[in-house]
Amino acid sequence: MRAPQPQKRSPGWFFRNNHQFLALSHVPQALSVTASEITDAVSRGEIQIERINGCKAVALDELFRYIEKKAG
């Protein structure tokens, strides 16, 4: 008998306490910006990162806030 297969998830996406997170390494591609721009934003405190199982991740809400601030 086969064991049930776990639900498929996309690499780089995390969920914690009903909040969605994206791995920091995937943020530049998702926002179509350079990695150095994201590194600078993290350094300036414009993007807050969290560690999830040893991986640096950014809350999706945090990314939306950064996009709005950048556009405005």
N, C-alpha and C. Protein backbone atom coordinates (compact mmCIF):
# COMPACT_ATOMS: atom_id res chain seq x y z
N MET A 1 0.83 -1.17 0.00
CA MET A 1 0.00 0.00 0.00
C MET A 1 0.89 1.25 0.00
N ARG A 2 0.56 2.22 -0.84
CA ARG A 2 1.35 3.45 -0.93
C ARG A 2 0.96 4.44 0.16
N ALA A 3 1.97 5.11 0.66
CA ALA A 3 1.70 6.16 1.64
C ALA A 3 1.12 7.36 0.91
N PRO A 4 0.25 8.13 1.57
CA PRO A 4 -0.32 9.32 0.92
C PRO A 4 0.78 10.32 0.59
N GLN A 5 0.70 10.92 -0.59
CA GLN A 5 1.68 11.89 -1.03
C GLN A 5 1.42 13.24 -0.37
N PRO A 6 2.49 13.92 0.07
CA PRO A 6 2.28 15.24 0.66
C PRO A 6 1.81 16.22 -0.39
N GLN A 7 1.16 17.27 0.08
CA GLN A 7 0.65 18.29 -0.82
C GLN A 7 1.83 19.01 -1.48
N LYS A 8 1.76 19.19 -2.81
CA LYS A 8 2.86 19.83 -3.52
C LYS A 8 2.88 21.31 -3.22
N ARG A 9 4.10 21.82 -3.03
CA ARG A 9 4.31 23.24 -2.76
C ARG A 9 5.37 23.76 -3.71
N SER A 10 5.30 25.01 -4.03
CA SER A 10 6.32 25.62 -4.88
C SER A 10 7.56 25.91 -4.06
N PRO A 11 8.74 25.68 -4.62
CA PRO A 11 9.97 25.98 -3.89
C PRO A 11 10.07 27.47 -3.59
N GLY A 12 10.53 27.78 -2.40
CA GLY A 12 10.71 29.18 -2.02
C GLY A 12 9.54 29.79 -1.29
N TRP A 13 8.41 29.12 -1.26
CA TRP A 13 7.23 29.64 -0.56
C TRP A 13 7.08 28.94 0.78
N PHE A 14 6.75 29.71 1.82
CA PHE A 14 6.57 29.17 3.15
C PHE A 14 5.27 29.70 3.73
N PHE A 15 4.72 28.94 4.66
CA PHE A 15 3.53 29.37 5.39
C PHE A 15 3.79 29.23 6.87
N ARG A 16 3.47 30.27 7.62
CA ARG A 16 3.59 30.23 9.08
C ARG A 16 2.45 31.05 9.66
N ASN A 17 1.69 30.43 10.56
CA ASN A 17 0.57 31.11 11.22
C ASN A 17 -0.35 31.81 10.22
N ASN A 18 -0.70 31.10 9.18
CA ASN A 18 -1.60 31.60 8.13
C ASN A 18 -1.06 32.82 7.39
N HIS A 19 0.25 33.03 7.41
CA HIS A 19 0.89 34.09 6.65
C HIS A 19 1.81 33.44 5.61
N GLN A 20 1.84 34.03 4.44
CA GLN A 20 2.66 33.49 3.37
C GLN A 20 3.98 34.25 3.29
N PHE A 21 5.06 33.51 3.07
CA PHE A 21 6.40 34.07 2.99
C PHE A 21 7.06 33.60 1.70
N LEU A 22 8.00 34.40 1.21
CA LEU A 22 8.79 34.05 0.05
C LEU A 22 10.25 34.06 0.46
N ALA A 23 11.01 33.06 0.03
CA ALA A 23 12.43 33.00 0.35
C ALA A 23 13.11 34.25 -0.19
N LEU A 24 14.01 34.82 0.59
CA LEU A 24 14.69 36.04 0.21
C LEU A 24 15.40 35.89 -1.14
N SER A 25 15.93 34.72 -1.41
CA SER A 25 16.64 34.50 -2.67
C SER A 25 15.72 34.54 -3.88
N HIS A 26 14.41 34.39 -3.68
CA HIS A 26 13.45 34.42 -4.78
C HIS A 26 12.84 35.81 -5.00
N VAL A 27 13.06 36.73 -4.07
CA VAL A 27 12.43 38.05 -4.14
C VAL A 27 12.85 38.84 -5.39
N PRO A 28 14.14 38.92 -5.74
CA PRO A 28 14.49 39.71 -6.93
C PRO A 28 13.78 39.24 -8.20
N GLN A 29 13.68 37.94 -8.37
CA GLN A 29 13.00 37.41 -9.56
C GLN A 29 11.50 37.72 -9.50
N ALA A 30 10.90 37.59 -8.33
CA ALA A 30 9.46 37.83 -8.19
C ALA A 30 9.11 39.30 -8.45
N LEU A 31 10.01 40.22 -8.06
CA LEU A 31 9.74 41.65 -8.23
C LEU A 31 10.39 42.23 -9.49
N SER A 32 11.13 41.42 -10.23
CA SER A 32 11.85 41.86 -11.42
C SER A 32 12.79 43.02 -11.11
N VAL A 33 13.59 42.84 -10.06
CA VAL A 33 14.60 43.83 -9.68
C VAL A 33 15.93 43.09 -9.48
N THR A 34 16.99 43.85 -9.26
CA THR A 34 18.29 43.23 -9.04
C THR A 34 18.42 42.75 -7.60
N ALA A 35 19.29 41.79 -7.40
CA ALA A 35 19.54 41.29 -6.05
C ALA A 35 20.16 42.37 -5.18
N SER A 36 20.99 43.23 -5.76
CA SER A 36 21.62 44.29 -4.97
C SER A 36 20.58 45.30 -4.48
N GLU A 37 19.53 45.54 -5.25
CA GLU A 37 18.47 46.45 -4.81
C GLU A 37 17.76 45.89 -3.58
N ILE A 38 17.51 44.58 -3.58
CA ILE A 38 16.86 43.95 -2.43
C ILE A 38 17.81 43.94 -1.23
N THR A 39 19.08 43.66 -1.47
CA THR A 39 20.08 43.68 -0.39
C THR A 39 20.14 45.06 0.25
N ASP A 40 20.14 46.11 -0.57
CA ASP A 40 20.16 47.47 -0.05
C ASP A 40 18.89 47.79 0.75
N ALA A 41 17.75 47.34 0.26
CA ALA A 41 16.48 47.58 0.96
C ALA A 41 16.47 46.88 2.32
N VAL A 42 17.02 45.69 2.39
CA VAL A 42 17.11 44.97 3.67
C VAL A 42 18.05 45.72 4.61
N SER A 43 19.17 46.18 4.09
CA SER A 43 20.15 46.91 4.89
C SER A 43 19.58 48.21 5.45
N ARG A 44 18.76 48.89 4.65
CA ARG A 44 18.14 50.14 5.09
C ARG A 44 16.93 49.91 6.00
N GLY A 45 16.50 48.66 6.13
CA GLY A 45 15.34 48.35 6.98
C GLY A 45 14.01 48.53 6.28
N GLU A 46 14.03 48.67 4.96
CA GLU A 46 12.79 48.82 4.20
C GLU A 46 12.07 47.49 4.03
N ILE A 47 12.81 46.40 4.09
CA ILE A 47 12.24 45.05 4.01
C ILE A 47 12.72 44.29 5.24
N GLN A 48 11.79 43.75 6.01
CA GLN A 48 12.10 42.97 7.20
C GLN A 48 12.15 41.50 6.81
N ILE A 49 13.18 40.80 7.26
CA ILE A 49 13.29 39.38 6.97
C ILE A 49 13.07 38.58 8.24
N GLU A 50 12.65 37.34 8.07
CA GLU A 50 12.45 36.41 9.17
C GLU A 50 13.13 35.10 8.80
N ARG A 51 13.52 34.36 9.80
CA ARG A 51 14.10 33.04 9.55
C ARG A 51 13.02 31.99 9.76
N ILE A 52 12.87 31.13 8.75
CA ILE A 52 11.92 30.02 8.83
C ILE A 52 12.72 28.76 8.53
N ASN A 53 12.89 27.95 9.54
CA ASN A 53 13.68 26.72 9.43
C ASN A 53 15.05 26.99 8.82
N GLY A 54 15.69 28.07 9.24
CA GLY A 54 17.03 28.40 8.79
C GLY A 54 17.09 29.15 7.48
N CYS A 55 15.96 29.40 6.85
CA CYS A 55 15.92 30.11 5.57
C CYS A 55 15.45 31.54 5.81
N LYS A 56 16.12 32.49 5.19
CA LYS A 56 15.69 33.88 5.27
C LYS A 56 14.49 34.06 4.35
N ALA A 57 13.43 34.64 4.89
CA ALA A 57 12.20 34.80 4.12
C ALA A 57 11.59 36.16 4.39
N VAL A 58 10.74 36.60 3.47
CA VAL A 58 10.06 37.89 3.57
C VAL A 58 8.56 37.63 3.50
N ALA A 59 7.81 38.25 4.41
CA ALA A 59 6.36 38.11 4.39
C ALA A 59 5.80 38.76 3.13
N LEU A 60 4.79 38.16 2.56
CA LEU A 60 4.17 38.69 1.36
C LEU A 60 3.61 40.09 1.61
N ASP A 61 3.05 40.31 2.78
CA ASP A 61 2.55 41.64 3.16
C ASP A 61 3.68 42.67 3.13
N GLU A 62 4.85 42.26 3.59
CA GLU A 62 6.03 43.13 3.61
C GLU A 62 6.44 43.50 2.18
N LEU A 63 6.36 42.54 1.27
CA LEU A 63 6.70 42.82 -0.12
C LEU A 63 5.72 43.79 -0.76
N PHE A 64 4.43 43.63 -0.48
CA PHE A 64 3.43 44.55 -1.01
C PHE A 64 3.68 45.97 -0.49
N ARG A 65 4.03 46.08 0.78
CA ARG A 65 4.31 47.39 1.38
C ARG A 65 5.52 48.02 0.69
N TYR A 66 6.56 47.23 0.44
CA TYR A 66 7.77 47.72 -0.22
C TYR A 66 7.44 48.19 -1.65
N ILE A 67 6.65 47.43 -2.38
CA ILE A 67 6.28 47.79 -3.75
C ILE A 67 5.51 49.11 -3.76
N GLU A 68 4.55 49.26 -2.84
CA GLU A 68 3.78 50.50 -2.77
C GLU A 68 4.67 51.68 -2.44
N LYS A 69 5.60 51.50 -1.51
CA LYS A 69 6.51 52.59 -1.12
C LYS A 69 7.41 52.96 -2.29
N LYS A 70 7.88 51.97 -3.02
CA LYS A 70 8.77 52.19 -4.16
C LYS A 70 8.02 52.92 -5.29
N ALA A 71 6.76 52.57 -5.49
CA ALA A 71 5.97 53.18 -6.55
C ALA A 71 5.56 54.61 -6.20
N GLY A 72 5.39 54.88 -4.92
CA GLY A 72 4.91 56.20 -4.49
C GLY A 72 5.96 57.16 -4.28
